[in-house]
Amino acid sequence: MINTNSKIANEFLNDLGNFKNDIKPFNNISVQDVNDKFVILKNEETGKSSNYSKSDLAESITFKLDLGIFNEQEVTKENAQSKFSELCTLLV
């Protein structure tokens, strides 16, 4: 059985992929794609793409959700930009 926070984390990543065209680059990083295995981000300056394990990111988000330090609000067109910047904090 998938725990609720794990489901929320996976939906969060999928939703970012759904709104990728509405998200402006954050620190020159943009969402290129989200698939079953990877979140693919692109450095707008260099054009280089980086693959991040979707399961690893979901695990990090789940951990922060369990601690209550990650906003579980659903990703919408209106808040996709701020949700993307929230994801970027996990990559530092």
C-alpha atoms as a PDB file:
ATOM      1  CA  MET A   1       0.000   0.000   0.000  1.00  0.00           C
ATOM      2  CA  ILE A   2       1.289   3.437  -0.939  1.00  0.00           C
ATOM      3  CA  ASN A   3       1.284   5.928   1.903  1.00  0.00           C
ATOM      4  CA  THR A   4      -0.716   9.110   1.348  1.00  0.00           C
ATOM      5  CA  ASN A   5       2.332  11.394   1.377  1.00  0.00           C
ATOM      6  CA  SER A   6       4.055   9.201  -1.203  1.00  0.00           C
ATOM      7  CA  LYS A   7       1.006   9.501  -3.454  1.00  0.00           C
ATOM      8  CA  ILE A   8       0.958  13.287  -2.959  1.00  0.00           C
ATOM      9  CA  ALA A   9       4.679  13.472  -3.842  1.00  0.00           C
ATOM     10  CA  ASN A  10       4.215  11.529  -7.080  1.00  0.00           C
ATOM     11  CA  GLU A  11       1.175  13.605  -8.052  1.00  0.00           C
ATOM     12  CA  PHE A  12       3.194  16.752  -7.325  1.00  0.00           C
ATOM     13  CA  LEU A  13       5.932  15.706  -9.758  1.00  0.00           C
ATOM     14  CA  ASN A  14       3.441  14.625 -12.433  1.00  0.00           C
ATOM     15  CA  ASP A  15       1.565  17.911 -12.103  1.00  0.00           C
ATOM     16  CA  LEU A  16       4.782  19.886 -12.563  1.00  0.00           C
ATOM     17  CA  GLY A  17       5.245  18.012 -15.822  1.00  0.00           C
ATOM     18  CA  ASN A  18       1.684  18.844 -16.843  1.00  0.00           C
ATOM     19  CA  PHE A  19       2.307  22.562 -16.290  1.00  0.00           C
ATOM     20  CA  LYS A  20       5.885  22.662 -17.633  1.00  0.00           C
ATOM     21  CA  ASN A  21       4.942  25.127 -20.383  1.00  0.00           C
ATOM     22  CA  ASP A  22       3.550  27.550 -17.791  1.00  0.00           C
ATOM     23  CA  ILE A  23       6.691  27.487 -15.636  1.00  0.00           C
ATOM     24  CA  LYS A  24       9.394  30.067 -16.286  1.00  0.00           C
ATOM     25  CA  PRO A  25      13.027  29.148 -15.597  1.00  0.00           C
ATOM     26  CA  PHE A  26      14.131  29.398 -11.960  1.00  0.00           C
ATOM     27  CA  ASN A  27      17.852  30.175 -11.593  1.00  0.00           C
ATOM     28  CA  ASN A  28      18.162  29.367 -15.320  1.00  0.00           C
ATOM     29  CA  ILE A  29      16.645  25.892 -14.788  1.00  0.00           C
ATOM     30  CA  SER A  30      13.428  24.835 -16.511  1.00  0.00           C
ATOM     31  CA  VAL A  31      11.288  21.703 -16.568  1.00  0.00           C
ATOM     32  CA  GLN A  32      11.938  19.867 -19.805  1.00  0.00           C
ATOM     33  CA  ASP A  33       9.900  16.726 -19.070  1.00  0.00           C
ATOM     34  CA  VAL A  34       8.568  14.433 -16.366  1.00  0.00           C
ATOM     35  CA  ASN A  35       8.145  10.754 -17.184  1.00  0.00           C
ATOM     36  CA  ASP A  36       7.769   7.514 -15.215  1.00  0.00           C
ATOM     37  CA  LYS A  37      11.427   7.380 -14.208  1.00  0.00           C
ATOM     38  CA  PHE A  38      12.894  10.866 -14.436  1.00  0.00           C
ATOM     39  CA  VAL A  39      12.312  14.552 -13.891  1.00  0.00           C
ATOM     40  CA  ILE A  40      14.326  16.163 -16.671  1.00  0.00           C
ATOM     41  CA  LEU A  41      15.492  19.710 -16.043  1.00  0.00           C
ATOM     42  CA  LYS A  42      17.294  21.929 -18.529  1.00  0.00           C
ATOM     43  CA  ASN A  43      19.911  24.580 -17.853  1.00  0.00           C
ATOM     44  CA  GLU A  44      18.784  27.456 -20.064  1.00  0.00           C
ATOM     45  CA  GLU A  45      22.293  28.979 -20.249  1.00  0.00           C
ATOM     46  CA  THR A  46      24.135  25.865 -21.374  1.00  0.00           C
ATOM     47  CA  GLY A  47      21.287  23.902 -22.940  1.00  0.00           C
ATOM     48  CA  LYS A  48      22.378  20.865 -20.911  1.00  0.00           C
ATOM     49  CA  SER A  49      19.647  18.554 -19.623  1.00  0.00           C
ATOM     50  CA  SER A  50      19.905  16.724 -16.314  1.00  0.00           C
ATOM     51  CA  ASN A  51      17.903  13.661 -15.339  1.00  0.00           C
ATOM     52  CA  TYR A  52      16.795  13.384 -11.720  1.00  0.00           C
ATOM     53  CA  SER A  53      15.376  10.126 -10.456  1.00  0.00           C
ATOM     54  CA  LYS A  54      11.656  10.617 -10.001  1.00  0.00           C
ATOM     55  CA  SER A  55      11.534   8.018  -7.228  1.00  0.00           C
ATOM     56  CA  ASP A  56      14.396   9.712  -5.324  1.00  0.00           C
ATOM     57  CA  LEU A  57      12.727  13.125  -5.610  1.00  0.00           C
ATOM     58  CA  ALA A  58       9.389  11.648  -4.536  1.00  0.00           C
ATOM     59  CA  GLU A  59      11.122  10.078  -1.533  1.00  0.00           C
ATOM     60  CA  SER A  60      12.634  13.447  -0.549  1.00  0.00           C
ATOM     61  CA  ILE A  61       9.267  15.161  -0.924  1.00  0.00           C
ATOM     62  CA  THR A  62       7.561  12.406   1.089  1.00  0.00           C
ATOM     63  CA  PHE A  63      10.113  12.829   3.877  1.00  0.00           C
ATOM     64  CA  LYS A  64       9.494  16.596   3.996  1.00  0.00           C
ATOM     65  CA  LEU A  65       5.728  16.011   3.920  1.00  0.00           C
ATOM     66  CA  ASP A  66       6.047  13.571   6.831  1.00  0.00           C
ATOM     67  CA  LEU A  67       7.899  16.275   8.779  1.00  0.00           C
ATOM     68  CA  GLY A  68       5.312  18.881   7.822  1.00  0.00           C
ATOM     69  CA  ILE A  69       7.819  21.152   6.069  1.00  0.00           C
ATOM     70  CA  PHE A  70       6.611  20.715   2.473  1.00  0.00           C
ATOM     71  CA  ASN A  71       3.456  22.396   1.236  1.00  0.00           C
ATOM     72  CA  GLU A  72       1.076  19.680   0.050  1.00  0.00           C
ATOM     73  CA  GLN A  73      -1.124  22.111  -1.862  1.00  0.00           C
ATOM     74  CA  GLU A  74      -2.091  20.789  -5.306  1.00  0.00           C
ATOM     75  CA  VAL A  75      -0.130  22.159  -8.263  1.00  0.00           C
ATOM     76  CA  THR A  76      -2.244  24.432 -10.460  1.00  0.00           C
ATOM     77  CA  LYS A  77      -1.466  26.698 -13.388  1.00  0.00           C
ATOM     78  CA  GLU A  78      -1.545  29.640 -10.974  1.00  0.00           C
ATOM     79  CA  ASN A  79       0.940  28.227  -8.452  1.00  0.00           C
ATOM     80  CA  ALA A  80       3.107  26.016 -10.699  1.00  0.00           C
ATOM     81  CA  GLN A  81       5.943  28.559 -10.653  1.00  0.00           C
ATOM     82  CA  SER A  82       6.216  28.656  -6.863  1.00  0.00           C
ATOM     83  CA  LYS A  83       5.856  24.867  -6.636  1.00  0.00           C
ATOM     84  CA  PHE A  84       8.742  24.491  -9.112  1.00  0.00           C
ATOM     85  CA  SER A  85      10.943  26.754  -6.997  1.00  0.00           C
ATOM     86  CA  GLU A  86       9.996  24.615  -3.986  1.00  0.00           C
ATOM     87  CA  LEU A  87      11.190  21.525  -5.890  1.00  0.00           C
ATOM     88  CA  CYS A  88      14.450  23.271  -6.802  1.00  0.00           C
ATOM     89  CA  THR A  89      15.280  23.644  -3.103  1.00  0.00           C
ATOM     90  CA  LEU A  90      15.554  19.846  -2.960  1.00  0.00           C
ATOM     91  CA  LEU A  91      18.249  19.874  -5.628  1.00  0.00           C
ATOM     92  CA  VAL A  92      20.719  22.087  -3.788  1.00  0.00           C
END
